[in-house]
C-alpha atoms as a PDB file:
ATOM      1  CA  UNK A   1       0.363   0.001  -0.102  1.00  0.00           C
ATOM      2  CA  UNK A   2       1.293   3.829  -0.527  1.00  0.00           C
ATOM      3  CA  UNK A   3       2.348   5.534   2.177  1.00  0.00           C
ATOM      4  CA  UNK A   4       1.903   8.977   2.975  1.00  0.00           C
ATOM      5  CA  UNK A   5       3.421  11.567   4.009  1.00  0.00           C
ATOM      6  CA  UNK A   6       2.504  14.353   6.584  1.00  0.00           C
ATOM      7  CA  UNK A   7       2.946  17.552   6.090  1.00  0.00           C
ATOM      8  CA  UNK A   8       4.854  18.091   9.540  1.00  0.00           C
ATOM      9  CA  UNK A   9       6.772  15.219   8.589  1.00  0.00           C
ATOM     10  CA  UNK A  10      10.246  16.824   8.654  1.00  0.00           C
ATOM     11  CA  UNK A  11       9.298  18.300  12.118  1.00  0.00           C
ATOM     12  CA  UNK A  12       7.752  15.026  14.031  1.00  0.00           C
ATOM     13  CA  UNK A  13       9.724  11.913  15.472  1.00  0.00           C
ATOM     14  CA  UNK A  14       8.126   9.064  13.574  1.00  0.00           C
ATOM     15  CA  UNK A  15       5.673   8.396  16.495  1.00  0.00           C
ATOM     16  CA  UNK A  16       3.829  11.508  16.288  1.00  0.00           C
ATOM     17  CA  UNK A  17       3.970  11.302  12.368  1.00  0.00           C
ATOM     18  CA  UNK A  18       2.485   8.292  12.277  1.00  0.00           C
ATOM     19  CA  UNK A  19      -0.208   9.465  14.226  1.00  0.00           C
ATOM     20  CA  UNK A  20      -1.124  12.429  12.296  1.00  0.00           C
ATOM     21  CA  UNK A  21      -1.304  10.640   8.747  1.00  0.00           C
ATOM     22  CA  UNK A  22      -3.345   7.917  10.543  1.00  0.00           C
ATOM     23  CA  UNK A  23      -5.947  10.413  11.598  1.00  0.00           C
ATOM     24  CA  UNK A  24      -5.342  12.565   8.813  1.00  0.00           C
ATOM     25  CA  UNK A  25      -7.165   9.469   6.628  1.00  0.00           C
ATOM     26  CA  UNK A  26      -9.908   9.359   8.937  1.00  0.00           C
ATOM     27  CA  UNK A  27     -11.293  13.202   8.694  1.00  0.00           C
ATOM     28  CA  UNK A  28      -9.777  13.311   4.490  1.00  0.00           C
ATOM     29  CA  UNK A  29      -9.524  10.211   2.694  1.00  0.00           C
ATOM     30  CA  UNK A  30      -8.080   9.814  -0.121  1.00  0.00           C
ATOM     31  CA  UNK A  31     -10.204  11.361  -2.616  1.00  0.00           C
ATOM     32  CA  UNK A  32     -13.038  12.635  -0.069  1.00  0.00           C
ATOM     33  CA  UNK A  33     -11.764  15.818  -0.445  1.00  0.00           C
ATOM     34  CA  UNK A  34     -10.245  17.290  -4.176  1.00  0.00           C
ATOM     35  CA  UNK A  35      -6.323  18.542  -3.852  1.00  0.00           C
ATOM     36  CA  UNK A  36      -6.772  21.647  -5.607  1.00  0.00           C
ATOM     37  CA  UNK A  37      -9.707  23.473  -3.421  1.00  0.00           C
ATOM     38  CA  UNK A  38     -10.395  21.019  -0.753  1.00  0.00           C
ATOM     39  CA  UNK A  39     -14.058  20.819  -1.536  1.00  0.00           C
ATOM     40  CA  UNK A  40     -15.794  18.291  -1.528  1.00  0.00           C
ATOM     41  CA  UNK A  41     -14.876  15.435  -4.847  1.00  0.00           C
ATOM     42  CA  UNK A  42     -16.208  12.790  -6.339  1.00  0.00           C
ATOM     43  CA  UNK A  43     -14.374  10.110  -5.462  1.00  0.00           C
ATOM     44  CA  UNK A  44     -11.123  11.217  -7.423  1.00  0.00           C
ATOM     45  CA  UNK A  45      -8.458  13.292  -7.000  1.00  0.00           C
ATOM     46  CA  UNK A  46      -9.576  16.890  -8.551  1.00  0.00           C
ATOM     47  CA  UNK A  47     -13.072  18.011  -8.157  1.00  0.00           C
ATOM     48  CA  UNK A  48     -14.765  18.217 -11.737  1.00  0.00           C
ATOM     49  CA  UNK A  49     -14.151  22.812 -11.520  1.00  0.00           C
ATOM     50  CA  UNK A  50     -10.703  22.345 -10.284  1.00  0.00           C
ATOM     51  CA  UNK A  51     -10.182  19.640 -13.205  1.00  0.00           C
ATOM     52  CA  UNK A  52     -11.010  22.032 -15.449  1.00  0.00           C
ATOM     53  CA  UNK A  53     -10.146  24.812 -14.267  1.00  0.00           C
ATOM     54  CA  UNK A  54      -6.063  22.750 -14.696  1.00  0.00           C
ATOM     55  CA  UNK A  55      -7.212  21.625 -17.930  1.00  0.00           C
ATOM     56  CA  UNK A  56      -8.517  25.026 -19.704  1.00  0.00           C
ATOM     57  CA  UNK A  57      -6.726  28.043 -17.643  1.00  0.00           C
ATOM     58  CA  UNK A  58      -3.185  29.671 -19.052  1.00  0.00           C
ATOM     59  CA  UNK A  59      -3.407  28.187 -22.163  1.00  0.00           C
ATOM     60  CA  UNK A  60      -1.924  31.341 -23.543  1.00  0.00           C
ATOM     61  CA  UNK A  61       1.095  30.000 -21.927  1.00  0.00           C
ATOM     62  CA  UNK A  62       0.752  26.203 -22.571  1.00  0.00           C
ATOM     63  CA  UNK A  63       3.908  24.346 -23.500  1.00  0.00           C
ATOM     64  CA  UNK A  64       6.403  27.207 -23.033  1.00  0.00           C
ATOM     65  CA  UNK A  65       9.609  25.985 -25.049  1.00  0.00           C
ATOM     66  CA  UNK A  66      13.407  26.106 -23.661  1.00  0.00           C
ATOM     67  CA  UNK A  67      17.214  25.493 -25.167  1.00  0.00           C
ATOM     68  CA  UNK A  68      19.128  23.531 -23.188  1.00  0.00           C
ATOM     69  CA  UNK A  69      22.681  22.330 -23.688  1.00  0.00           C
ATOM     70  CA  UNK A  70      21.278  22.478 -27.271  1.00  0.00           C
ATOM     71  CA  UNK A  71      17.703  19.993 -25.611  1.00  0.00           C
ATOM     72  CA  UNK A  72      14.959  21.262 -26.636  1.00  0.00           C
ATOM     73  CA  UNK A  73      13.191  21.251 -23.135  1.00  0.00           C
ATOM     74  CA  UNK A  74       8.858  21.628 -22.866  1.00  0.00           C
ATOM     75  CA  UNK A  75       6.894  23.556 -20.390  1.00  0.00           C
ATOM     76  CA  UNK A  76       3.037  23.072 -19.660  1.00  0.00           C
ATOM     77  CA  UNK A  77       2.055  25.499 -17.134  1.00  0.00           C
ATOM     78  CA  UNK A  78       3.260  28.393 -14.858  1.00  0.00           C
ATOM     79  CA  UNK A  79       4.511  27.251 -11.586  1.00  0.00           C
ATOM     80  CA  UNK A  80       1.722  29.101 -10.184  1.00  0.00           C
ATOM     81  CA  UNK A  81      -1.904  29.121  -9.272  1.00  0.00           C
ATOM     82  CA  UNK A  82      -3.291  25.569  -9.508  1.00  0.00           C
ATOM     83  CA  UNK A  83      -0.426  23.909 -11.301  1.00  0.00           C
ATOM     84  CA  UNK A  84       1.745  25.467  -8.664  1.00  0.00           C
ATOM     85  CA  UNK A  85      -0.369  23.517  -5.424  1.00  0.00           C
ATOM     86  CA  UNK A  86      -0.820  20.620  -6.588  1.00  0.00           C
ATOM     87  CA  UNK A  87       3.368  19.702  -7.565  1.00  0.00           C
ATOM     88  CA  UNK A  88       3.681  20.853  -4.169  1.00  0.00           C
ATOM     89  CA  UNK A  89       1.625  18.621  -2.683  1.00  0.00           C
ATOM     90  CA  UNK A  90       2.765  15.884  -4.706  1.00  0.00           C
ATOM     91  CA  UNK A  91       6.332  16.835  -3.672  1.00  0.00           C
ATOM     92  CA  UNK A  92       5.800  17.298   0.012  1.00  0.00           C
ATOM     93  CA  UNK A  93       2.501  15.556   0.852  1.00  0.00           C
ATOM     94  CA  UNK A  94       2.768  12.111  -1.622  1.00  0.00           C
ATOM     95  CA  UNK A  95      -0.038  12.538  -2.486  1.00  0.00           C
ATOM     96  CA  UNK A  96       0.690  10.133  -5.822  1.00  0.00           C
ATOM     97  CA  UNK A  97      -2.852  10.359  -7.246  1.00  0.00           C
ATOM     98  CA  UNK A  98      -1.939  13.613  -8.465  1.00  0.00           C
ATOM     99  CA  UNK A  99       0.610  12.593 -11.022  1.00  0.00           C
ATOM    100  CA  UNK A 100      -2.323  11.213 -13.595  1.00  0.00           C
ATOM    101  CA  UNK A 101      -4.406  14.369 -12.879  1.00  0.00           C
ATOM    102  CA  UNK A 102      -1.389  16.077 -14.326  1.00  0.00           C
ATOM    103  CA  UNK A 103      -0.267  14.076 -17.368  1.00  0.00           C
ATOM    104  CA  UNK A 104      -3.649  14.112 -18.169  1.00  0.00           C
ATOM    105  CA  UNK A 105      -3.306  17.457 -19.486  1.00  0.00           C
ATOM    106  CA  UNK A 106      -0.229  16.014 -21.422  1.00  0.00           C
ATOM    107  CA  UNK A 107      -2.625  15.541 -24.952  1.00  0.00           C
ATOM    108  CA  UNK A 108      -3.190  17.097 -27.675  1.00  0.00           C
ATOM    109  CA  UNK A 109       1.301  17.465 -27.695  1.00  0.00           C
ATOM    110  CA  UNK A 110       2.919  20.368 -29.544  1.00  0.00           C
ATOM    111  CA  UNK A 111       2.885  19.682 -33.538  1.00  0.00           C
ATOM    112  CA  UNK A 112       7.100  20.683 -32.691  1.00  0.00           C
ATOM    113  CA  UNK A 113       6.961  18.086 -30.406  1.00  0.00           C
ATOM    114  CA  UNK A 114       7.802  14.774 -32.560  1.00  0.00           C
ATOM    115  CA  UNK A 115       8.452  11.452 -29.007  1.00  0.00           C
ATOM    116  CA  UNK A 116       8.908   8.507 -31.175  1.00  0.00           C
ATOM    117  CA  UNK A 117       7.318   5.019 -30.096  1.00  0.00           C
ATOM    118  CA  UNK A 118      11.384   3.970 -29.004  1.00  0.00           C
ATOM    119  CA  UNK A 119      11.724   6.599 -26.752  1.00  0.00           C
ATOM    120  CA  UNK A 120      11.892   5.791 -23.242  1.00  0.00           C
ATOM    121  CA  UNK A 121      11.330   7.949 -20.107  1.00  0.00           C
ATOM    122  CA  UNK A 122      12.660   8.698 -17.421  1.00  0.00           C
ATOM    123  CA  UNK A 123      13.138  11.271 -14.639  1.00  0.00           C
ATOM    124  CA  UNK A 124      15.567  13.157 -12.457  1.00  0.00           C
ATOM    125  CA  UNK A 125      16.600  11.260  -9.744  1.00  0.00           C
ATOM    126  CA  UNK A 126      16.138  12.182  -5.552  1.00  0.00           C
ATOM    127  CA  UNK A 127      18.895  11.750  -3.339  1.00  0.00           C
ATOM    128  CA  UNK A 128      17.853   8.232  -0.768  1.00  0.00           C
ATOM    129  CA  UNK A 129      18.080  10.766   2.400  1.00  0.00           C
ATOM    130  CA  UNK A 130      15.041  12.665   0.776  1.00  0.00           C
ATOM    131  CA  UNK A 131      13.959   9.935  -0.390  1.00  0.00           C
ATOM    132  CA  UNK A 132      13.239   8.322   2.899  1.00  0.00           C
ATOM    133  CA  UNK A 133      12.207  11.208   4.553  1.00  0.00           C
ATOM    134  CA  UNK A 134       9.447  11.815   1.979  1.00  0.00           C
ATOM    135  CA  UNK A 135       8.627   8.829   1.339  1.00  0.00           C
ATOM    136  CA  UNK A 136       7.837   8.675  -2.458  1.00  0.00           C
ATOM    137  CA  UNK A 137      10.131  10.058  -6.010  1.00  0.00           C
ATOM    138  CA  UNK A 138       8.134  12.548  -6.741  1.00  0.00           C
ATOM    139  CA  UNK A 139       9.886  12.741  -9.783  1.00  0.00           C
ATOM    140  CA  UNK A 140       9.325   9.048 -10.542  1.00  0.00           C
ATOM    141  CA  UNK A 141       5.513   9.281 -10.430  1.00  0.00           C
ATOM    142  CA  UNK A 142       5.577  12.049 -13.106  1.00  0.00           C
ATOM    143  CA  UNK A 143       7.483   9.911 -15.130  1.00  0.00           C
ATOM    144  CA  UNK A 144       5.184   6.591 -14.479  1.00  0.00           C
ATOM    145  CA  UNK A 145       2.528   9.003 -15.937  1.00  0.00           C
ATOM    146  CA  UNK A 146       3.730  10.618 -18.208  1.00  0.00           C
ATOM    147  CA  UNK A 147       5.015   6.767 -19.616  1.00  0.00           C
ATOM    148  CA  UNK A 148       0.958   5.467 -19.506  1.00  0.00           C
ATOM    149  CA  UNK A 149      -0.827   8.142 -20.983  1.00  0.00           C
ATOM    150  CA  UNK A 150       2.329   8.395 -24.240  1.00  0.00           C
ATOM    151  CA  UNK A 151       2.343   4.849 -24.128  1.00  0.00           C
ATOM    152  CA  UNK A 152       6.184   4.523 -24.116  1.00  0.00           C
ATOM    153  CA  UNK A 153       8.306   2.575 -21.300  1.00  0.00           C
ATOM    154  CA  UNK A 154       9.883   4.800 -18.369  1.00  0.00           C
ATOM    155  CA  UNK A 155      12.414   3.197 -16.240  1.00  0.00           C
ATOM    156  CA  UNK A 156      15.362   5.074 -14.681  1.00  0.00           C
ATOM    157  CA  UNK A 157      18.528   6.086 -16.473  1.00  0.00           C
ATOM    158  CA  UNK A 158      21.058   7.831 -13.866  1.00  0.00           C
ATOM    159  CA  UNK A 159      21.579   8.506 -10.367  1.00  0.00           C
ATOM    160  CA  UNK A 160      22.356  10.297  -7.823  1.00  0.00           C
ATOM    161  CA  UNK A 161      26.321  10.271  -6.674  1.00  0.00           C
ATOM    162  CA  UNK A 162      25.511  12.822  -3.738  1.00  0.00           C
ATOM    163  CA  UNK A 163      25.504  11.601  -0.357  1.00  0.00           C
ATOM    164  CA  UNK A 164      24.424  14.324   0.664  1.00  0.00           C
ATOM    165  CA  UNK A 165      22.898  16.593  -1.495  1.00  0.00           C
ATOM    166  CA  UNK A 166      21.273  19.724   0.094  1.00  0.00           C
ATOM    167  CA  UNK A 167      18.000  20.680  -1.880  1.00  0.00           C
ATOM    168  CA  UNK A 168      18.343  22.887  -5.381  1.00  0.00           C
ATOM    169  CA  UNK A 169      14.656  25.073  -4.099  1.00  0.00           C
ATOM    170  CA  UNK A 170      15.897  28.674  -2.856  1.00  0.00           C
ATOM    171  CA  UNK A 171      19.400  28.505  -4.781  1.00  0.00           C
ATOM    172  CA  UNK A 172      20.815  31.027  -6.394  1.00  0.00           C
ATOM    173  CA  UNK A 173      21.726  30.109 -10.407  1.00  0.00           C
ATOM    174  CA  UNK A 174      25.558  29.992  -8.861  1.00  0.00           C
ATOM    175  CA  UNK A 175      24.717  27.679  -5.966  1.00  0.00           C
ATOM    176  CA  UNK A 176      22.559  25.268  -7.518  1.00  0.00           C
ATOM    177  CA  UNK A 177      25.257  24.697 -10.536  1.00  0.00           C
ATOM    178  CA  UNK A 178      27.954  23.947  -7.327  1.00  0.00           C
ATOM    179  CA  UNK A 179      25.020  21.852  -5.496  1.00  0.00           C
ATOM    180  CA  UNK A 180      24.724  19.468  -8.591  1.00  0.00           C
ATOM    181  CA  UNK A 181      27.833  19.210 -10.236  1.00  0.00           C
ATOM    182  CA  UNK A 182      28.817  16.257 -10.883  1.00  0.00           C
ATOM    183  CA  UNK A 183      25.979  15.098  -9.154  1.00  0.00           C
ATOM    184  CA  UNK A 184      24.566  12.096 -11.767  1.00  0.00           C
ATOM    185  CA  UNK A 185      25.979   9.458 -13.106  1.00  0.00           C
ATOM    186  CA  UNK A 186      24.025   6.840 -16.332  1.00  0.00           C
ATOM    187  CA  UNK A 187      23.038   3.887 -15.386  1.00  0.00           C
ATOM    188  CA  UNK A 188      23.748   1.800 -18.544  1.00  0.00           C
ATOM    189  CA  UNK A 189      24.856   2.913 -22.006  1.00  0.00           C
ATOM    190  CA  UNK A 190      21.823   4.664 -24.061  1.00  0.00           C
ATOM    191  CA  UNK A 191      21.165   4.241 -27.565  1.00  0.00           C
ATOM    192  CA  UNK A 192      17.581   5.074 -27.769  1.00  0.00           C
ATOM    193  CA  UNK A 193      14.998   8.826 -27.980  1.00  0.00           C
ATOM    194  CA  UNK A 194      15.301   9.423 -23.601  1.00  0.00           C
ATOM    195  CA  UNK A 195      11.775  11.736 -22.331  1.00  0.00           C
ATOM    196  CA  UNK A 196      12.920  13.312 -19.540  1.00  0.00           C
ATOM    197  CA  UNK A 197       9.955  14.315 -16.952  1.00  0.00           C
ATOM    198  CA  UNK A 198      10.971  16.655 -13.810  1.00  0.00           C
ATOM    199  CA  UNK A 199       8.170  18.900 -11.949  1.00  0.00           C
ATOM    200  CA  UNK A 200       9.209  22.091 -13.289  1.00  0.00           C
ATOM    201  CA  UNK A 201      12.008  24.077 -14.154  1.00  0.00           C
ATOM    202  CA  UNK A 202      13.890  26.916 -13.023  1.00  0.00           C
ATOM    203  CA  UNK A 203      17.224  28.053 -13.643  1.00  0.00           C
ATOM    204  CA  UNK A 204      17.517  24.669 -16.197  1.00  0.00           C
ATOM    205  CA  UNK A 205      20.286  23.433 -14.029  1.00  0.00           C
ATOM    206  CA  UNK A 206      19.398  20.157 -12.632  1.00  0.00           C
ATOM    207  CA  UNK A 207      18.484  19.737 -16.490  1.00  0.00           C
ATOM    208  CA  UNK A 208      21.513  20.211 -18.287  1.00  0.00           C
ATOM    209  CA  UNK A 209      23.289  18.454 -15.159  1.00  0.00           C
ATOM    210  CA  UNK A 210      20.794  16.021 -16.415  1.00  0.00           C
ATOM    211  CA  UNK A 211      21.865  15.709 -19.746  1.00  0.00           C
ATOM    212  CA  UNK A 212      24.810  15.571 -19.008  1.00  0.00           C
ATOM    213  CA  UNK A 213      25.240  12.751 -18.151  1.00  0.00           C
ATOM    214  CA  UNK A 214      23.204  11.201 -20.657  1.00  0.00           C
ATOM    215  CA  UNK A 215      24.892  12.262 -23.415  1.00  0.00           C
ATOM    216  CA  UNK A 216      27.751  10.393 -21.641  1.00  0.00           C
ATOM    217  CA  UNK A 217      26.409   7.429 -21.332  1.00  0.00           C
ATOM    218  CA  UNK A 218      25.021   8.454 -25.870  1.00  0.00           C
ATOM    219  CA  UNK A 219      22.033   9.408 -25.922  1.00  0.00           C
ATOM    220  CA  UNK A 220      21.846  11.964 -28.712  1.00  0.00           C
ATOM    221  CA  UNK A 221      18.163  12.408 -28.962  1.00  0.00           C
ATOM    222  CA  UNK A 222      17.106  14.440 -26.040  1.00  0.00           C
ATOM    223  CA  UNK A 223      13.778  15.822 -24.859  1.00  0.00           C
ATOM    224  CA  UNK A 224      12.807  17.482 -20.790  1.00  0.00           C
ATOM    225  CA  UNK A 225       9.116  17.059 -20.194  1.00  0.00           C
ATOM    226  CA  UNK A 226       8.250  19.233 -16.920  1.00  0.00           C
ATOM    227  CA  UNK A 227       4.617  20.321 -16.383  1.00  0.00           C
ATOM    228  CA  UNK A 228       5.079  23.718 -14.914  1.00  0.00           C
ATOM    229  CA  UNK A 229       7.733  26.206 -15.004  1.00  0.00           C
ATOM    230  CA  UNK A 230       9.251  30.290 -13.222  1.00  0.00           C
ATOM    231  CA  UNK A 231       7.394  32.114 -15.804  1.00  0.00           C
ATOM    232  CA  UNK A 232       9.830  34.146 -14.986  1.00  0.00           C
ATOM    233  CA  UNK A 233      12.727  32.026 -16.843  1.00  0.00           C
ATOM    234  CA  UNK A 234      10.985  32.308 -19.800  1.00  0.00           C
END
């Protein structure tokens, strides 16, 4: 059964965290409330109103493209409003159903975004310590949901090398670069197209490091897909 993470799990002792998670499941069982607005839901992760907002709001800003070291990085929504709330709840509260809801808005893809059927979907690996704290790897959940939506295979292609990795959140571009120096290593030789999935594109530092590691393994056809992007950077 999938584990859930309390919003206080980084602050409370393990016993209290488990008690808080049990209480939350009793008061707000999964599907009872919408993960977007907190109102009573219809048994799904999002209520009809939030599902409609996620799909149709901000269409003028949908599918932004940025060039990262010669690789096209596509982002679906600005990191604000409902998309931001969903990403944060997936990331810090282990609400795995959000990944499937986000993947539902992928199609149709832009005409310029061509993904060969032999493409392997992968994700930015999370440090082991942080994965244990959060109970899930949100990047893996997003990659798996993306692969199902696009009918592609999904598997890990990268590993984190740093044992005591610091979070990238809130760091300047220069500190992000130092933090991720040689942080990723390939798990195998790559001779197939790769779709690298992540939650948000901010400075692009993480994606660039992953691109370098994938190229080191032989990858020539790489595409980056993030569900949100920092609106002041694209």
